[in-house]
Amino acid sequence: MASRREVTIGRNVAGYDAIRRIAILLLIAFVSSWTFAADEPSRSNGVSVHMLPKRVADLSGRKWGFAVDFSKNLKPENDQPVLQTAEQLLAYVSKQDLSVQRNGVWIVTSHPDSYSEEEKAMLEDVKALCRKQHIPLFVARAAELPDGWQRFDR
């Protein structure tokens, strides 16, 4: 028969093992959530553009298309890039640093009626190319910012 001291030591070891297991599980959960949050794309670290409709651009004397917003994370350009095809937009993204590419493309749009069928098709082309190239893509109407982002690359 085990002595009282041996039983107490056995209970302490079992208690220690349980606490150790809980601590390891908590550590794993914390590291996993931190890693997941670190991988979540951020607009301020990606390529943010406004999709300027052609008829609005014509009225204001500006170039229509995907007008890239300035960011210190982007490679410098002489003028504000305004890209007029899905291929141009994705080529612009691919020349950025990998960290920018991982944060994806963020497109702010106007009301859908502002765009021609050609422009709407161009946005669909961007969605298809981003899915194909595994580039995170987020689109939101300006009126729905800051919470209206929808993800389209999956």
Protein backbone atom coordinates (compact mmCIF):
# COMPACT_ATOMS: atom_id res chain seq x y z
CA MET A 1 0.00 0.00 0.00
CA ALA A 2 1.27 3.46 -0.92
CA SER A 3 2.18 5.85 1.80
CA ARG A 4 0.36 9.13 2.21
CA ARG A 5 3.41 11.04 0.96
CA GLU A 6 3.61 8.98 -2.27
CA VAL A 7 -0.10 9.63 -3.00
CA THR A 8 0.39 13.40 -2.48
CA ILE A 9 3.42 13.46 -4.78
CA GLY A 10 1.47 11.53 -7.41
CA ARG A 11 -1.36 14.07 -7.27
CA ASN A 12 1.09 16.99 -7.58
CA VAL A 13 2.75 15.45 -10.64
CA ALA A 14 -0.66 14.84 -12.27
CA GLY A 15 -1.69 18.43 -11.48
CA TYR A 16 1.57 19.75 -12.88
CA ASP A 17 1.06 17.78 -16.11
CA ALA A 18 -2.45 19.19 -16.53
CA ILE A 19 -1.25 22.76 -15.96
CA ARG A 20 1.64 22.23 -18.37
CA ARG A 21 -0.72 20.89 -21.05
CA ILE A 22 -3.07 23.85 -20.62
CA ALA A 23 -0.16 26.30 -20.83
CA ILE A 24 1.08 24.67 -24.05
CA LEU A 25 -2.40 24.77 -25.58
CA LEU A 26 -2.78 28.45 -24.67
CA LEU A 27 0.62 29.23 -26.17
CA ILE A 28 -0.28 27.42 -29.40
CA ALA A 29 -3.62 29.25 -29.60
CA PHE A 30 -1.92 32.61 -29.02
CA VAL A 31 0.80 32.04 -31.61
CA SER A 32 -1.75 30.75 -34.14
CA SER A 33 -4.01 33.79 -33.71
CA TRP A 34 -1.05 36.15 -33.91
CA THR A 35 0.22 34.47 -37.08
CA PHE A 36 -3.27 34.60 -38.63
CA ALA A 37 -3.60 38.31 -37.83
CA ALA A 38 -0.15 39.00 -39.28
CA ASP A 39 -1.18 37.32 -42.56
CA GLU A 40 -4.42 39.30 -42.93
CA PRO A 41 -4.08 41.79 -45.84
CA SER A 42 -4.09 45.49 -45.05
CA ARG A 43 -5.19 48.26 -47.43
CA SER A 44 -2.50 50.63 -46.20
CA ASN A 45 0.18 48.07 -47.11
CA GLY A 46 -1.28 46.98 -50.46
CA VAL A 47 -2.18 48.73 -53.73
CA SER A 48 -5.18 50.99 -53.22
CA VAL A 49 -6.92 52.38 -56.30
CA HIS A 50 -10.02 54.34 -57.18
CA MET A 51 -11.86 53.15 -60.28
CA LEU A 52 -12.65 56.43 -62.02
CA PRO A 53 -15.47 56.06 -64.59
CA LYS A 54 -14.65 57.27 -68.12
CA ARG A 55 -17.57 59.69 -68.33
CA VAL A 56 -16.66 61.28 -64.99
CA ALA A 57 -13.01 61.53 -66.05
CA ASP A 58 -14.04 63.16 -69.35
CA LEU A 59 -16.01 65.83 -67.46
CA SER A 60 -13.09 66.63 -65.19
CA GLY A 61 -10.35 66.35 -67.81
CA ARG A 62 -8.68 63.47 -65.99
CA LYS A 63 -7.59 60.04 -67.17
CA TRP A 64 -10.16 57.25 -66.53
CA GLY A 65 -9.39 53.85 -65.07
CA PHE A 66 -7.70 52.56 -61.93
CA ALA A 67 -6.08 55.62 -60.32
CA VAL A 68 -3.43 54.41 -57.86
CA ASP A 69 -3.44 56.13 -54.47
CA PHE A 70 -0.07 57.33 -53.20
CA SER A 71 1.59 55.14 -50.58
CA LYS A 72 5.10 55.13 -49.17
CA ASN A 73 5.06 51.34 -49.65
CA LEU A 74 4.77 51.58 -53.45
CA LYS A 75 7.69 51.99 -55.80
CA PRO A 76 7.98 55.68 -56.79
CA GLU A 77 6.49 56.92 -60.07
CA ASN A 78 6.89 60.28 -61.83
CA ASP A 79 3.12 60.73 -62.11
CA GLN A 80 0.09 59.12 -60.50
CA PRO A 81 -0.42 55.80 -62.31
CA VAL A 82 -3.84 55.45 -63.92
CA LEU A 83 -4.21 51.98 -65.39
CA GLN A 84 -6.82 51.23 -68.04
CA THR A 85 -6.82 47.44 -68.32
CA ALA A 86 -6.82 44.52 -65.93
CA GLU A 87 -3.47 43.45 -67.36
CA GLN A 88 -1.93 46.88 -66.68
CA LEU A 89 -3.20 46.82 -63.10
CA LEU A 90 -1.80 43.35 -62.42
CA ALA A 91 1.51 44.24 -64.11
CA TYR A 92 1.73 47.28 -61.81
CA VAL A 93 1.05 45.09 -58.77
CA SER A 94 3.63 42.49 -59.85
CA LYS A 95 6.42 45.09 -60.00
CA GLN A 96 5.82 46.05 -56.35
CA ASP A 97 7.66 44.46 -53.43
CA LEU A 98 6.37 41.05 -52.37
CA SER A 99 5.07 42.50 -49.08
CA VAL A 100 2.85 44.91 -51.06
CA GLN A 101 1.64 42.12 -53.35
CA ARG A 102 0.70 39.97 -50.34
CA ASN A 103 -1.50 42.79 -49.04
CA GLY A 104 -3.39 42.79 -52.30
CA VAL A 105 -5.37 45.18 -54.44
CA TRP A 106 -8.04 47.41 -52.89
CA ILE A 107 -10.46 48.97 -55.39
CA VAL A 108 -12.85 51.76 -54.42
CA THR A 109 -15.72 52.12 -56.89
CA SER A 110 -18.49 54.61 -57.52
CA HIS A 111 -22.15 53.75 -58.05
CA PRO A 112 -22.43 50.84 -60.54
CA ASP A 113 -24.53 52.96 -62.93
CA SER A 114 -21.51 55.28 -63.35
CA TYR A 115 -19.65 52.63 -65.35
CA SER A 116 -20.07 51.50 -68.94
CA GLU A 117 -20.44 47.81 -69.74
CA GLU A 118 -16.81 47.82 -70.91
CA GLU A 119 -15.65 49.19 -67.55
CA LYS A 120 -17.76 46.66 -65.64
CA ALA A 121 -16.22 43.88 -67.75
CA MET A 122 -12.75 45.25 -66.94
CA LEU A 123 -13.47 44.94 -63.20
CA GLU A 124 -14.61 41.34 -63.76
CA ASP A 125 -11.33 40.71 -65.62
CA VAL A 126 -9.41 42.03 -62.60
CA LYS A 127 -11.35 39.64 -60.35
CA ALA A 128 -10.55 36.69 -62.62
CA LEU A 129 -6.85 37.57 -62.88
CA CYS A 130 -6.50 38.03 -59.13
CA ARG A 131 -8.11 34.64 -58.52
CA LYS A 132 -5.81 33.03 -61.10
CA GLN A 133 -2.66 34.69 -59.71
CA HIS A 134 -3.68 34.30 -56.03
CA ILE A 135 -3.56 38.04 -55.36
CA PRO A 136 -5.87 39.25 -52.58
CA LEU A 137 -8.57 41.53 -54.05
CA PHE A 138 -10.98 43.72 -52.13
CA VAL A 139 -13.67 45.93 -53.68
CA ALA A 140 -15.92 48.46 -51.97
CA ARG A 141 -18.23 51.24 -53.07
CA ALA A 142 -17.06 54.61 -51.79
CA ALA A 143 -20.46 55.14 -50.14
CA GLU A 144 -19.95 51.96 -48.07
CA LEU A 145 -16.49 52.75 -46.68
CA PRO A 146 -14.87 51.93 -44.36
CA ASP A 147 -16.70 48.64 -43.74
CA GLY A 148 -18.01 47.66 -47.17
CA TRP A 149 -15.05 45.62 -48.39
CA GLN A 150 -15.81 42.38 -50.21
CA ARG A 151 -13.09 39.87 -51.03
CA PHE A 152 -13.06 38.46 -54.59
CA ASP A 153 -9.82 36.51 -55.05
CA ARG A 154 -10.98 33.19 -53.57
